[in-house]
Amino acid sequence: MKQHTVIDSPYGPLTLVATDGVLSGLYMTDQRHRPPEETFGDPDDTPFAAVTEELGAYFAGELKEFSVPLHLHGTPFQRSVWAELRRIPYGETRTYGQLADALGNPKASRAVGLANGRNPLGIIVPCHRVVGANGGLTGYGGGLPRKQRLLDFERGEGAAALF
């Protein structure tokens, strides 16, 4: 059974989705690859107390790693990429190539990029910490300005507030 709620954040409204009471989605309003709202289930904020608290602490600069349980639905390769994303330390970045190397498949940079783009739990599974081979910003479902602000925020170079 799916449930959802919408919370305010410095990055605009975030839609949180739970599957069987476990967080399975975090979507920005204008996010690329955002599923249709009718797939989010009934409105109910009951399953979201812990993640709402952790997101508040993250945006306040007090939390660097999320501990809420996650329900990640994807292919085995996607789930392996998303697990690797969670290993990127707060305030640091990795390239798609570095992630492919870490997964033991150095030629899979593009596949890593595709899996990164399908991440259903942005911010919590920190796909914003992945950059191009030259260190430049590349795609982000929430838009490159948000990606830059998230990276700056994590490096202590700016406030969380964007909009």
N, C-alpha and C. Protein backbone atom coordinates (compact mmCIF):
# COMPACT_ATOMS: atom_id res chain seq x y z
N MET A 1 0.83 -1.18 0.00
CA MET A 1 0.00 0.00 0.00
C MET A 1 0.88 1.25 0.00
N LYS A 2 0.52 2.21 -0.84
CA LYS A 2 1.30 3.44 -0.93
C LYS A 2 0.57 4.59 -0.24
N GLN A 3 1.39 5.48 0.33
CA GLN A 3 0.90 6.70 0.96
C GLN A 3 1.86 7.82 0.58
N HIS A 4 1.38 9.06 0.69
CA HIS A 4 2.27 10.18 0.40
C HIS A 4 1.90 11.40 1.23
N THR A 5 2.85 12.30 1.30
CA THR A 5 2.63 13.61 1.91
C THR A 5 3.53 14.60 1.20
N VAL A 6 3.25 15.87 1.37
CA VAL A 6 4.08 16.92 0.80
C VAL A 6 4.60 17.77 1.95
N ILE A 7 5.91 18.00 1.97
CA ILE A 7 6.51 18.85 3.00
C ILE A 7 7.21 20.03 2.34
N ASP A 8 7.34 21.10 3.09
CA ASP A 8 8.09 22.25 2.62
C ASP A 8 9.57 22.02 2.86
N SER A 9 10.39 22.58 1.98
CA SER A 9 11.84 22.51 2.15
C SER A 9 12.45 23.78 1.57
N PRO A 10 13.71 24.04 1.85
CA PRO A 10 14.37 25.19 1.24
C PRO A 10 14.48 25.07 -0.28
N TYR A 11 14.20 23.88 -0.81
CA TYR A 11 14.30 23.62 -2.25
C TYR A 11 12.93 23.52 -2.90
N GLY A 12 11.91 23.99 -2.19
CA GLY A 12 10.55 23.89 -2.68
C GLY A 12 9.86 22.68 -2.08
N PRO A 13 8.59 22.48 -2.42
CA PRO A 13 7.85 21.35 -1.87
C PRO A 13 8.49 20.01 -2.28
N LEU A 14 8.51 19.08 -1.33
CA LEU A 14 9.00 17.73 -1.59
C LEU A 14 7.85 16.76 -1.34
N THR A 15 7.60 15.89 -2.31
CA THR A 15 6.60 14.84 -2.14
C THR A 15 7.31 13.59 -1.64
N LEU A 16 6.88 13.10 -0.50
CA LEU A 16 7.42 11.87 0.08
C LEU A 16 6.42 10.76 -0.18
N VAL A 17 6.91 9.61 -0.62
CA VAL A 17 6.06 8.46 -0.91
C VAL A 17 6.56 7.28 -0.09
N ALA A 18 5.63 6.54 0.50
CA ALA A 18 5.97 5.33 1.24
C ALA A 18 5.26 4.14 0.61
N THR A 19 5.96 3.02 0.60
CA THR A 19 5.40 1.74 0.18
C THR A 19 5.41 0.84 1.40
N ASP A 20 4.23 0.39 1.81
CA ASP A 20 4.10 -0.44 3.01
C ASP A 20 4.78 0.21 4.22
N GLY A 21 4.64 1.52 4.34
CA GLY A 21 5.16 2.25 5.49
C GLY A 21 6.63 2.60 5.44
N VAL A 22 7.31 2.27 4.33
CA VAL A 22 8.75 2.54 4.20
C VAL A 22 8.97 3.53 3.06
N LEU A 23 9.82 4.51 3.29
CA LEU A 23 10.07 5.56 2.30
C LEU A 23 10.54 4.95 0.98
N SER A 24 9.84 5.29 -0.11
CA SER A 24 10.19 4.76 -1.43
C SER A 24 10.34 5.84 -2.49
N GLY A 25 10.03 7.08 -2.15
CA GLY A 25 10.17 8.16 -3.11
C GLY A 25 10.30 9.51 -2.44
N LEU A 26 11.11 10.37 -3.03
CA LEU A 26 11.22 11.77 -2.63
C LEU A 26 11.35 12.55 -3.93
N TYR A 27 10.36 13.37 -4.22
CA TYR A 27 10.32 14.04 -5.52
C TYR A 27 10.12 15.54 -5.36
N MET A 28 10.89 16.29 -6.14
CA MET A 28 10.70 17.74 -6.24
C MET A 28 9.56 18.00 -7.21
N THR A 29 8.93 19.15 -7.09
CA THR A 29 7.74 19.46 -7.88
C THR A 29 7.98 19.32 -9.38
N ASP A 30 9.06 19.87 -9.88
CA ASP A 30 9.31 19.89 -11.32
C ASP A 30 10.40 18.90 -11.74
N GLN A 31 10.54 17.85 -10.98
CA GLN A 31 11.61 16.88 -11.21
C GLN A 31 11.39 16.05 -12.47
N ARG A 32 12.47 15.89 -13.21
CA ARG A 32 12.44 15.00 -14.37
C ARG A 32 12.26 13.56 -13.86
N HIS A 33 11.54 12.75 -14.56
CA HIS A 33 11.24 11.35 -14.21
C HIS A 33 10.38 11.24 -12.95
N ARG A 34 9.67 12.29 -12.61
CA ARG A 34 8.73 12.23 -11.49
C ARG A 34 7.53 11.39 -11.92
N PRO A 35 7.19 10.37 -11.15
CA PRO A 35 6.02 9.55 -11.51
C PRO A 35 4.73 10.36 -11.43
N PRO A 36 3.69 9.90 -12.11
CA PRO A 36 2.40 10.59 -12.01
C PRO A 36 1.88 10.57 -10.57
N GLU A 37 1.26 11.65 -10.16
CA GLU A 37 0.77 11.75 -8.78
C GLU A 37 -0.20 10.65 -8.40
N GLU A 38 -0.97 10.17 -9.36
CA GLU A 38 -1.95 9.11 -9.03
C GLU A 38 -1.27 7.82 -8.59
N THR A 39 0.04 7.69 -8.80
CA THR A 39 0.77 6.49 -8.35
C THR A 39 1.30 6.64 -6.92
N PHE A 40 1.11 7.81 -6.30
CA PHE A 40 1.68 8.07 -4.98
C PHE A 40 0.86 7.50 -3.83
N GLY A 41 -0.35 7.05 -4.10
CA GLY A 41 -1.19 6.51 -3.03
C GLY A 41 -1.95 7.59 -2.30
N ASP A 42 -2.56 7.17 -1.19
CA ASP A 42 -3.41 8.08 -0.41
C ASP A 42 -2.59 9.10 0.36
N PRO A 43 -3.13 10.31 0.53
CA PRO A 43 -2.46 11.29 1.38
C PRO A 43 -2.52 10.84 2.84
N ASP A 44 -1.38 10.77 3.48
CA ASP A 44 -1.30 10.35 4.89
C ASP A 44 0.12 10.62 5.35
N ASP A 45 0.30 11.47 6.36
CA ASP A 45 1.65 11.78 6.80
C ASP A 45 2.18 10.84 7.89
N THR A 46 1.39 9.84 8.26
CA THR A 46 1.77 8.92 9.33
C THR A 46 3.15 8.28 9.15
N PRO A 47 3.49 7.73 7.96
CA PRO A 47 4.78 7.03 7.86
C PRO A 47 6.00 7.94 7.73
N PHE A 48 5.82 9.26 7.79
CA PHE A 48 6.90 10.15 7.41
C PHE A 48 7.53 10.95 8.55
N ALA A 49 7.20 10.65 9.79
CA ALA A 49 7.72 11.44 10.91
C ALA A 49 9.25 11.40 10.97
N ALA A 50 9.84 10.21 10.87
CA ALA A 50 11.30 10.09 10.99
C ALA A 50 12.02 10.77 9.84
N VAL A 51 11.56 10.58 8.61
CA VAL A 51 12.24 11.19 7.47
C VAL A 51 12.07 12.70 7.48
N THR A 52 10.90 13.18 7.92
CA THR A 52 10.69 14.62 8.01
C THR A 52 11.66 15.23 9.02
N GLU A 53 11.84 14.55 10.14
CA GLU A 53 12.79 15.01 11.15
C GLU A 53 14.22 15.01 10.61
N GLU A 54 14.60 13.94 9.92
CA GLU A 54 15.96 13.86 9.37
C GLU A 54 16.18 14.91 8.28
N LEU A 55 15.19 15.13 7.42
CA LEU A 55 15.34 16.16 6.39
C LEU A 55 15.48 17.54 7.02
N GLY A 56 14.72 17.81 8.07
CA GLY A 56 14.85 19.08 8.78
C GLY A 56 16.25 19.27 9.34
N ALA A 57 16.81 18.21 9.92
CA ALA A 57 18.17 18.27 10.46
C ALA A 57 19.19 18.44 9.34
N TYR A 58 18.98 17.77 8.21
CA TYR A 58 19.88 17.92 7.06
C TYR A 58 19.88 19.37 6.58
N PHE A 59 18.69 19.94 6.36
CA PHE A 59 18.60 21.30 5.86
C PHE A 59 19.12 22.32 6.86
N ALA A 60 19.16 21.96 8.14
CA ALA A 60 19.72 22.84 9.17
C ALA A 60 21.24 22.67 9.27
N GLY A 61 21.80 21.76 8.48
CA GLY A 61 23.24 21.51 8.51
C GLY A 61 23.69 20.64 9.66
N GLU A 62 22.75 19.93 10.29
CA GLU A 62 23.05 19.12 11.47
C GLU A 62 23.16 17.63 11.18
N LEU A 63 22.75 17.19 9.99
CA LEU A 63 22.75 15.77 9.64
C LEU A 63 23.49 15.58 8.33
N LYS A 64 24.42 14.64 8.32
CA LYS A 64 25.22 14.41 7.11
C LYS A 64 24.92 13.08 6.44
N GLU A 65 24.23 12.19 7.14
CA GLU A 65 23.90 10.88 6.58
C GLU A 65 22.54 10.44 7.10
N PHE A 66 21.69 10.01 6.20
CA PHE A 66 20.33 9.60 6.55
C PHE A 66 20.32 8.15 7.03
N SER A 67 19.45 7.87 8.00
CA SER A 67 19.38 6.51 8.55
C SER A 67 17.99 5.88 8.41
N VAL A 68 17.03 6.62 7.84
CA VAL A 68 15.68 6.06 7.72
C VAL A 68 15.69 4.85 6.78
N PRO A 69 14.86 3.85 7.06
CA PRO A 69 14.77 2.70 6.16
C PRO A 69 14.24 3.14 4.79
N LEU A 70 14.73 2.49 3.75
CA LEU A 70 14.35 2.82 2.38
C LEU A 70 13.82 1.60 1.66
N HIS A 71 12.84 1.81 0.81
CA HIS A 71 12.33 0.78 -0.08
C HIS A 71 12.71 1.22 -1.49
N LEU A 72 13.81 0.69 -2.01
CA LEU A 72 14.31 1.08 -3.33
C LEU A 72 13.88 0.05 -4.36
N HIS A 73 13.01 0.47 -5.26
CA HIS A 73 12.54 -0.42 -6.32
C HIS A 73 13.27 -0.07 -7.61
N GLY A 74 14.00 -1.04 -8.15
CA GLY A 74 14.72 -0.84 -9.40
C GLY A 74 15.38 -2.13 -9.81
N THR A 75 16.10 -2.09 -10.91
CA THR A 75 16.82 -3.27 -11.37
C THR A 75 17.98 -3.55 -10.41
N PRO A 76 18.54 -4.75 -10.44
CA PRO A 76 19.71 -5.01 -9.59
C PRO A 76 20.85 -4.02 -9.85
N PHE A 77 21.08 -3.66 -11.12
CA PHE A 77 22.14 -2.70 -11.43
C PHE A 77 21.82 -1.33 -10.83
N GLN A 78 20.58 -0.87 -11.01
CA GLN A 78 20.20 0.43 -10.43
C GLN A 78 20.39 0.43 -8.92
N ARG A 79 19.96 -0.63 -8.26
CA ARG A 79 20.10 -0.69 -6.81
C ARG A 79 21.57 -0.68 -6.40
N SER A 80 22.43 -1.31 -7.20
CA SER A 80 23.87 -1.29 -6.87
C SER A 80 24.44 0.12 -7.03
N VAL A 81 23.99 0.84 -8.05
CA VAL A 81 24.43 2.24 -8.23
C VAL A 81 23.93 3.08 -7.07
N TRP A 82 22.67 2.93 -6.70
CA TRP A 82 22.10 3.73 -5.61
C TRP A 82 22.80 3.43 -4.29
N ALA A 83 23.19 2.18 -4.08
CA ALA A 83 23.94 1.83 -2.86
C ALA A 83 25.30 2.53 -2.87
N GLU A 84 25.92 2.58 -4.04
CA GLU A 84 27.22 3.26 -4.16
C GLU A 84 27.08 4.76 -3.93
N LEU A 85 25.99 5.34 -4.40
CA LEU A 85 25.75 6.77 -4.16
C LEU A 85 25.73 7.07 -2.67
N ARG A 86 25.16 6.18 -1.89
CA ARG A 86 25.06 6.41 -0.44
C ARG A 86 26.42 6.33 0.24
N ARG A 87 27.42 5.84 -0.46
CA ARG A 87 28.78 5.78 0.09
C ARG A 87 29.58 7.06 -0.17
N ILE A 88 29.06 7.95 -0.99
CA ILE A 88 29.76 9.21 -1.26
C ILE A 88 29.59 10.10 -0.03
N PRO A 89 30.69 10.48 0.60
CA PRO A 89 30.57 11.29 1.82
C PRO A 89 29.95 12.67 1.56
N TYR A 90 29.25 13.15 2.54
CA TYR A 90 28.67 14.48 2.56
C TYR A 90 29.77 15.50 2.21
N GLY A 91 29.45 16.41 1.30
CA GLY A 91 30.40 17.45 0.93
C GLY A 91 31.41 17.05 -0.12
N GLU A 92 31.35 15.81 -0.59
CA GLU A 92 32.29 15.33 -1.61
C GLU A 92 31.52 14.96 -2.88
N THR A 93 32.26 14.80 -3.96
CA THR A 93 31.66 14.37 -5.23
C THR A 93 32.45 13.20 -5.80
N ARG A 94 31.82 12.50 -6.71
CA ARG A 94 32.45 11.44 -7.49
C ARG A 94 32.00 11.61 -8.93
N THR A 95 32.81 11.12 -9.86
CA THR A 95 32.42 11.13 -11.26
C THR A 95 31.67 9.83 -11.58
N TYR A 96 30.98 9.85 -12.71
CA TYR A 96 30.30 8.64 -13.17
C TYR A 96 31.33 7.52 -13.35
N GLY A 97 32.50 7.86 -13.87
CA GLY A 97 33.56 6.88 -14.07
C GLY A 97 34.04 6.28 -12.76
N GLN A 98 34.19 7.11 -11.74
CA GLN A 98 34.61 6.60 -10.43
C GLN A 98 33.56 5.65 -9.86
N LEU A 99 32.30 5.96 -10.05
CA LEU A 99 31.25 5.05 -9.58
C LEU A 99 31.29 3.74 -10.35
N ALA A 100 31.48 3.82 -11.66
CA ALA A 100 31.58 2.60 -12.48
C ALA A 100 32.76 1.75 -12.01
N ASP A 101 33.90 2.40 -11.75
CA ASP A 101 35.07 1.67 -11.23
C ASP A 101 34.75 1.00 -9.90
N ALA A 102 34.09 1.74 -9.00
CA ALA A 102 33.75 1.20 -7.69
C ALA A 102 32.82 -0.01 -7.79
N LEU A 103 32.02 -0.04 -8.86
CA LEU A 103 31.11 -1.16 -9.08
C LEU A 103 31.80 -2.32 -9.81
N GLY A 104 33.08 -2.14 -10.14
CA GLY A 104 33.82 -3.19 -10.83
C GLY A 104 33.56 -3.26 -12.31
N ASN A 105 33.01 -2.20 -12.89
CA ASN A 105 32.69 -2.19 -14.31
C ASN A 105 33.07 -0.83 -14.91
N PRO A 106 34.38 -0.61 -15.14
CA PRO A 106 34.85 0.71 -15.55
C PRO A 106 34.26 1.24 -16.85
N LYS A 107 33.68 0.39 -17.67
CA LYS A 107 33.10 0.85 -18.94
C LYS A 107 31.62 1.21 -18.80
N ALA A 108 31.10 1.19 -17.59
CA ALA A 108 29.66 1.39 -17.38
C ALA A 108 29.29 2.82 -16.98
N SER A 109 30.12 3.79 -17.30
CA SER A 109 29.84 5.18 -16.90
C SER A 109 28.47 5.66 -17.36
N ARG A 110 28.13 5.37 -18.60
CA ARG A 110 26.83 5.83 -19.12
C ARG A 110 25.68 5.12 -18.43
N ALA A 111 25.84 3.83 -18.20
CA ALA A 111 24.79 3.08 -17.49
C ALA A 111 24.63 3.60 -16.06
N VAL A 112 25.75 3.96 -15.44
CA VAL A 112 25.70 4.56 -14.11
C VAL A 112 24.92 5.87 -14.17
N GLY A 113 25.17 6.67 -15.20
CA GLY A 113 24.45 7.93 -15.37
C GLY A 113 22.95 7.73 -15.52
N LEU A 114 22.57 6.72 -16.29
CA LEU A 114 21.14 6.42 -16.47
C LEU A 114 20.50 5.99 -15.15
N ALA A 115 21.19 5.13 -14.41
CA ALA A 115 20.67 4.68 -13.11
C ALA A 115 20.58 5.85 -12.14
N ASN A 116 21.59 6.71 -12.18
CA ASN A 116 21.61 7.89 -11.33
C ASN A 116 20.38 8.77 -11.61
N GLY A 117 20.06 8.93 -12.88
CA GLY A 117 18.92 9.75 -13.28
C GLY A 117 17.58 9.17 -12.88
N ARG A 118 17.53 7.89 -12.61
CA ARG A 118 16.27 7.22 -12.21
C ARG A 118 16.16 7.05 -10.69
N ASN A 119 17.07 7.63 -9.95
CA ASN A 119 17.05 7.55 -8.50
C ASN A 119 15.73 8.11 -7.96
N PRO A 120 14.94 7.29 -7.24
CA PRO A 120 13.66 7.77 -6.74
C PRO A 120 13.75 8.53 -5.41
N LEU A 121 14.93 8.62 -4.84
CA LEU A 121 15.08 9.21 -3.51
C LEU A 121 16.18 10.27 -3.47
N GLY A 122 16.06 11.26 -4.36
CA GLY A 122 17.04 12.34 -4.38
C GLY A 122 17.24 12.93 -3.00
N ILE A 123 18.38 13.51 -2.77
CA ILE A 123 18.85 14.08 -1.51
C ILE A 123 19.22 12.95 -0.56
N ILE A 124 18.31 12.04 -0.25
CA ILE A 124 18.61 10.95 0.68
C ILE A 124 19.57 9.95 0.06
N VAL A 125 19.33 9.58 -1.19
CA VAL A 125 20.31 8.83 -1.99
C VAL A 125 20.94 9.90 -2.87
N PRO A 126 22.12 10.39 -2.48
CA PRO A 126 22.64 11.67 -2.97
C PRO A 126 23.19 11.68 -4.40
N CYS A 127 22.30 11.56 -5.36
CA CYS A 127 22.71 11.61 -6.76
C CYS A 127 23.26 12.98 -7.15
N HIS A 128 22.97 14.00 -6.35
CA HIS A 128 23.51 15.34 -6.64
C HIS A 128 25.03 15.39 -6.46
N ARG A 129 25.61 14.39 -5.82
CA ARG A 129 27.06 14.37 -5.57
C ARG A 129 27.85 13.78 -6.73
N VAL A 130 27.20 13.51 -7.85
CA VAL A 130 27.88 12.94 -9.01
C VAL A 130 28.07 14.03 -10.06
N VAL A 131 29.31 14.12 -10.55
CA VAL A 131 29.68 15.15 -11.54
C VAL A 131 30.29 14.48 -12.77
N GLY A 132 30.48 15.27 -13.81
CA GLY A 132 31.08 14.77 -15.03
C GLY A 132 32.56 14.48 -14.85
N ALA A 133 33.16 13.84 -15.85
CA ALA A 133 34.57 13.45 -15.80
C ALA A 133 35.49 14.64 -15.55
N ASN A 134 35.10 15.81 -16.03
CA ASN A 134 35.94 17.00 -15.86
C ASN A 134 35.59 17.76 -14.58
N GLY A 135 34.72 17.21 -13.76
CA GLY A 135 34.32 17.85 -12.52
C GLY A 135 33.16 18.81 -12.67
N GLY A 136 32.68 18.99 -13.90
CA GLY A 136 31.58 19.92 -14.15
C GLY A 136 30.23 19.31 -13.83
N LEU A 137 29.26 20.19 -13.64
CA LEU A 137 27.91 19.72 -13.36
C LEU A 137 27.31 19.08 -14.59
N THR A 138 26.65 17.98 -14.38
CA THR A 138 25.90 17.31 -15.44
C THR A 138 24.48 17.13 -14.92
N GLY A 139 23.65 16.44 -15.65
CA GLY A 139 22.23 16.33 -15.35
C GLY A 139 21.87 16.09 -13.90
N TYR A 140 20.72 16.65 -13.54
CA TYR A 140 20.13 16.43 -12.22
C TYR A 140 18.62 16.60 -12.37
N GLY A 141 17.87 15.63 -11.91
CA GLY A 141 16.43 15.64 -12.08
C GLY A 141 15.75 16.88 -11.53
N GLY A 142 16.34 17.48 -10.50
CA GLY A 142 15.79 18.69 -9.91
C GLY A 142 16.30 19.96 -10.55
N GLY A 143 17.14 19.82 -11.58
CA GLY A 143 17.70 20.98 -12.27
C GLY A 143 19.11 21.31 -11.77
N LEU A 144 19.95 21.78 -12.69
CA LEU A 144 21.34 22.08 -12.33
C LEU A 144 21.48 23.18 -11.27
N PRO A 145 20.63 24.22 -11.27
CA PRO A 145 20.77 25.21 -10.19
C PRO A 145 20.58 24.59 -8.80
N ARG A 146 19.62 23.67 -8.66
CA ARG A 146 19.43 23.00 -7.36
C ARG A 146 20.64 22.13 -7.03
N LYS A 147 21.15 21.43 -8.03
CA LYS A 147 22.31 20.58 -7.80
C LYS A 147 23.48 21.42 -7.29
N GLN A 148 23.74 22.55 -7.94
CA GLN A 148 24.84 23.41 -7.52
C GLN A 148 24.62 23.91 -6.10
N ARG A 149 23.40 24.30 -5.78
CA ARG A 149 23.11 24.80 -4.44
C ARG A 149 23.25 23.70 -3.38
N LEU A 150 22.82 22.48 -3.70
CA LEU A 150 23.00 21.37 -2.76
C LEU A 150 24.48 21.11 -2.51
N LEU A 151 25.27 21.10 -3.57
CA LEU A 151 26.72 20.88 -3.41
C LEU A 151 27.36 22.01 -2.61
N ASP A 152 27.00 23.25 -2.93
CA ASP A 152 27.54 24.40 -2.19
C ASP A 152 27.14 24.32 -0.72
N PHE A 153 25.88 23.99 -0.46
CA PHE A 153 25.38 23.87 0.91
C PHE A 153 26.18 22.82 1.67
N GLU A 154 26.41 21.65 1.06
CA GLU A 154 27.13 20.59 1.74
C GLU A 154 28.60 20.94 1.97
N ARG A 155 29.15 21.79 1.14
CA ARG A 155 30.54 22.24 1.33
C ARG A 155 30.64 23.42 2.28
N GLY A 156 29.51 23.86 2.80
CA GLY A 156 29.50 25.00 3.71
C GLY A 156 29.65 26.33 3.02
N GLU A 157 29.34 26.37 1.72
CA GLU A 157 29.54 27.58 0.94
C GLU A 157 28.24 28.35 0.69
N GLY A 158 27.16 27.95 1.31
CA GLY A 158 25.90 28.65 1.09
C GLY A 158 24.81 28.07 1.97
N ALA A 159 23.75 28.82 2.08
CA ALA A 159 22.59 28.37 2.86
C ALA A 159 21.78 27.38 2.05
N ALA A 160 20.95 26.63 2.72
CA ALA A 160 20.10 25.66 2.03
C ALA A 160 19.04 26.34 1.17
N ALA A 161 18.61 27.53 1.56
CA ALA A 161 17.49 28.18 0.86
C ALA A 161 17.83 28.48 -0.59
N LEU A 162 16.90 28.14 -1.45
CA LEU A 162 17.07 28.37 -2.89
C LEU A 162 16.02 29.29 -3.45
N PHE A 163 14.78 29.04 -3.11
CA PHE A 163 13.67 29.73 -3.77
C PHE A 163 12.81 30.43 -2.75
